[in-house]
Amino acid sequence: MNRIKGLLRETWWLWTLFFVAIVVLSASVSSLFLFMAPALLVVFTYFAHVRYDEHGNPKEEL
């Protein structure tokens, strides 16, 4: 859970922008854009796992 908090702490504005874009596009163009929301959740958890350690700190570059 700390990994997710770490990613959210630094990139909350970007994920908010993505979800607002999905809502606007689904309301104005097609409701098929709502299928992107679960995909964004998968990407979010992947990046949280890869980029942050178990304490929520960014991992060191190799």
N, C-alpha and C. Protein backbone atom coordinates (compact mmCIF):
# COMPACT_ATOMS: atom_id res chain seq x y z
N MET A 1 0.82 -1.19 0.00
CA MET A 1 0.00 0.00 0.00
C MET A 1 0.87 1.26 0.00
N ASN A 2 2.05 1.17 0.62
CA ASN A 2 2.93 2.33 0.64
C ASN A 2 3.45 2.69 -0.74
N ARG A 3 3.59 1.69 -1.61
CA ARG A 3 4.02 1.96 -2.98
C ARG A 3 2.98 2.81 -3.71
N ILE A 4 1.73 2.47 -3.53
CA ILE A 4 0.66 3.22 -4.18
C ILE A 4 0.60 4.64 -3.62
N LYS A 5 0.77 4.77 -2.32
CA LYS A 5 0.78 6.10 -1.71
C LYS A 5 1.95 6.93 -2.23
N GLY A 6 3.11 6.30 -2.41
CA GLY A 6 4.28 7.02 -2.92
C GLY A 6 4.06 7.53 -4.32
N LEU A 7 3.50 6.70 -5.19
CA LEU A 7 3.23 7.13 -6.56
C LEU A 7 2.15 8.19 -6.60
N LEU A 8 1.13 8.01 -5.79
CA LEU A 8 0.04 8.98 -5.75
C LEU A 8 0.50 10.33 -5.21
N ARG A 9 1.43 10.30 -4.27
CA ARG A 9 1.96 11.53 -3.68
C ARG A 9 2.66 12.40 -4.73
N GLU A 10 3.33 11.77 -5.70
CA GLU A 10 4.10 12.53 -6.68
C GLU A 10 3.36 12.77 -7.99
N THR A 11 2.39 11.93 -8.33
CA THR A 11 1.77 12.05 -9.65
C THR A 11 0.25 12.12 -9.58
N TRP A 12 -0.30 12.58 -8.47
CA TRP A 12 -1.76 12.63 -8.34
C TRP A 12 -2.39 13.48 -9.42
N TRP A 13 -1.77 14.57 -9.80
CA TRP A 13 -2.34 15.49 -10.80
C TRP A 13 -2.43 14.83 -12.17
N LEU A 14 -1.45 13.99 -12.51
CA LEU A 14 -1.45 13.33 -13.81
C LEU A 14 -2.58 12.31 -13.91
N TRP A 15 -2.77 11.51 -12.86
CA TRP A 15 -3.82 10.50 -12.87
C TRP A 15 -5.21 11.14 -12.83
N THR A 16 -5.31 12.27 -12.12
CA THR A 16 -6.57 13.01 -12.12
C THR A 16 -6.88 13.53 -13.52
N LEU A 17 -5.88 14.03 -14.20
CA LEU A 17 -6.05 14.51 -15.57
C LEU A 17 -6.50 13.38 -16.50
N PHE A 18 -5.90 12.20 -16.36
CA PHE A 18 -6.29 11.05 -17.17
C PHE A 18 -7.76 10.68 -16.95
N PHE A 19 -8.18 10.62 -15.69
CA PHE A 19 -9.55 10.22 -15.41
C PHE A 19 -10.56 11.29 -15.84
N VAL A 20 -10.19 12.56 -15.72
CA VAL A 20 -11.08 13.62 -16.22
C VAL A 20 -11.20 13.53 -17.73
N ALA A 21 -10.10 13.26 -18.42
CA ALA A 21 -10.14 13.11 -19.88
C ALA A 21 -11.03 11.94 -20.27
N ILE A 22 -10.96 10.85 -19.54
CA ILE A 22 -11.81 9.69 -19.83
C ILE A 22 -13.28 10.05 -19.66
N VAL A 23 -13.60 10.75 -18.60
CA VAL A 23 -15.00 11.12 -18.35
C VAL A 23 -15.50 12.07 -19.43
N VAL A 24 -14.69 13.05 -19.80
CA VAL A 24 -15.10 14.02 -20.83
C VAL A 24 -15.26 13.32 -22.18
N LEU A 25 -14.31 12.48 -22.54
CA LEU A 25 -14.41 11.78 -23.82
C LEU A 25 -15.58 10.80 -23.85
N SER A 26 -15.85 10.14 -22.74
CA SER A 26 -16.98 9.21 -22.74
C SER A 26 -18.31 9.96 -22.80
N ALA A 27 -18.37 11.14 -22.24
CA ALA A 27 -19.62 11.92 -22.28
C ALA A 27 -19.82 12.58 -23.63
N SER A 28 -18.74 12.99 -24.28
CA SER A 28 -18.90 13.74 -25.52
C SER A 28 -18.75 12.90 -26.78
N VAL A 29 -17.94 11.85 -26.74
CA VAL A 29 -17.69 11.07 -27.96
C VAL A 29 -18.39 9.73 -27.90
N SER A 30 -17.96 8.88 -26.98
CA SER A 30 -18.52 7.54 -26.91
C SER A 30 -18.29 6.97 -25.51
N SER A 31 -19.22 6.17 -25.05
CA SER A 31 -19.06 5.56 -23.73
C SER A 31 -18.01 4.45 -23.74
N LEU A 32 -17.48 4.09 -24.88
CA LEU A 32 -16.43 3.08 -24.96
C LEU A 32 -15.14 3.55 -24.29
N PHE A 33 -14.98 4.85 -24.12
CA PHE A 33 -13.80 5.37 -23.44
C PHE A 33 -13.77 4.97 -21.97
N LEU A 34 -14.89 4.58 -21.41
CA LEU A 34 -14.92 4.13 -20.02
C LEU A 34 -14.14 2.83 -19.82
N PHE A 35 -13.90 2.10 -20.89
CA PHE A 35 -13.11 0.88 -20.78
C PHE A 35 -11.64 1.18 -20.52
N MET A 36 -11.23 2.42 -20.69
CA MET A 36 -9.85 2.80 -20.42
C MET A 36 -9.58 2.95 -18.92
N ALA A 37 -10.61 3.17 -18.12
CA ALA A 37 -10.42 3.38 -16.68
C ALA A 37 -9.80 2.16 -15.99
N PRO A 38 -10.28 0.95 -16.21
CA PRO A 38 -9.61 -0.20 -15.59
C PRO A 38 -8.18 -0.39 -16.09
N ALA A 39 -7.93 -0.06 -17.33
CA ALA A 39 -6.57 -0.17 -17.86
C ALA A 39 -5.64 0.82 -17.15
N LEU A 40 -6.13 2.02 -16.85
CA LEU A 40 -5.32 2.98 -16.13
C LEU A 40 -5.02 2.51 -14.70
N LEU A 41 -5.96 1.83 -14.10
CA LEU A 41 -5.72 1.29 -12.76
C LEU A 41 -4.62 0.23 -12.78
N VAL A 42 -4.60 -0.59 -13.82
CA VAL A 42 -3.56 -1.61 -13.95
C VAL A 42 -2.21 -0.94 -14.16
N VAL A 43 -2.15 0.07 -15.02
CA VAL A 43 -0.90 0.79 -15.27
C VAL A 43 -0.43 1.48 -14.00
N PHE A 44 -1.35 2.07 -13.25
CA PHE A 44 -1.01 2.75 -12.01
C PHE A 44 -0.36 1.80 -11.01
N THR A 45 -0.96 0.64 -10.80
CA THR A 45 -0.40 -0.31 -9.84
C THR A 45 0.93 -0.89 -10.33
N TYR A 46 1.07 -1.07 -11.65
CA TYR A 46 2.34 -1.55 -12.20
C TYR A 46 3.46 -0.54 -11.92
N PHE A 47 3.22 0.73 -12.23
CA PHE A 47 4.24 1.74 -11.99
C PHE A 47 4.54 1.89 -10.50
N ALA A 48 3.54 1.76 -9.65
CA ALA A 48 3.77 1.83 -8.21
C ALA A 48 4.68 0.69 -7.76
N HIS A 49 4.49 -0.49 -8.32
CA HIS A 49 5.30 -1.64 -7.95
C HIS A 49 6.73 -1.52 -8.48
N VAL A 50 6.88 -1.02 -9.68
CA VAL A 50 8.20 -0.97 -10.31
C VAL A 50 9.04 0.20 -9.80
N ARG A 51 8.42 1.35 -9.57
CA ARG A 51 9.17 2.58 -9.28
C ARG A 51 9.37 2.86 -7.79
N TYR A 52 8.63 2.20 -6.90
CA TYR A 52 8.71 2.51 -5.47
C TYR A 52 8.96 1.25 -4.65
N ASP A 53 9.70 1.43 -3.55
CA ASP A 53 9.97 0.27 -2.68
C ASP A 53 8.81 0.06 -1.71
N GLU A 54 8.97 -0.90 -0.82
CA GLU A 54 7.87 -1.26 0.08
C GLU A 54 7.57 -0.19 1.13
N HIS A 55 8.44 0.81 1.23
CA HIS A 55 8.22 1.91 2.17
C HIS A 55 7.64 3.15 1.50
N GLY A 56 7.44 3.10 0.19
CA GLY A 56 6.88 4.23 -0.54
C GLY A 56 7.90 5.22 -1.02
N ASN A 57 9.18 4.86 -0.94
CA ASN A 57 10.24 5.73 -1.43
C ASN A 57 10.64 5.34 -2.84
N PRO A 58 11.05 6.29 -3.66
CA PRO A 58 11.48 5.94 -5.02
C PRO A 58 12.68 4.99 -4.96
N LYS A 59 12.68 4.00 -5.84
CA LYS A 59 13.80 3.07 -5.90
C LYS A 59 15.01 3.76 -6.50
N GLU A 60 16.17 3.28 -6.12
CA GLU A 60 17.43 3.82 -6.66
C GLU A 60 17.61 3.34 -8.09
N GLU A 61 18.15 4.22 -8.92
CA GLU A 61 18.46 3.85 -10.30
C GLU A 61 19.68 2.94 -10.30
N LEU A 62 19.72 1.99 -11.21
CA LEU A 62 20.88 1.09 -11.29
C LEU A 62 21.98 1.68 -12.10
